C-alpha cells in the first residue's frame, strides 16, 4: 500500500470516529488541548486547519498526535491505524536475480 493510500485510509478512520460522535472538524480540534495557557483557558493542541489536512490525507501524523487523537476520539491508536497488506515469504535477492512479486495477505487482529 502506498503512502498516499495509507494516509487516506487513516483519514477515513478519523472522519468515521469523529462523525459518529457528531463532531465537526472544529469540535475535534478544540478537544485536542495541549494544556493550560493561563487566563484564556487551554491552548489548542491542533488547529482546525491541521484536522482538515489529516482528514484530506495531506499530512503525516506523529506518534504523539496519533495517541492524542485516539484519546480524544475514545478509541485506541491501533483502531485508528488502517490495515495494510503485509509481505510474507520475501527473501533478499542479489542484484542479478529477478524478484517475483511477493505474496500479499491482509493483516488481521
Foldseek 3Di string as FASTA:
>chain_A
DDLLVQLQLLLVLLVVLQVVVVHDLQRLQVLQFDDADPPVGTDGPHHSVRNVCSNNSNDDDDPVRLQSSQVSSVHGSVSSGDWDWDFPPDDDDDPVDDDDDTDTDTDDD
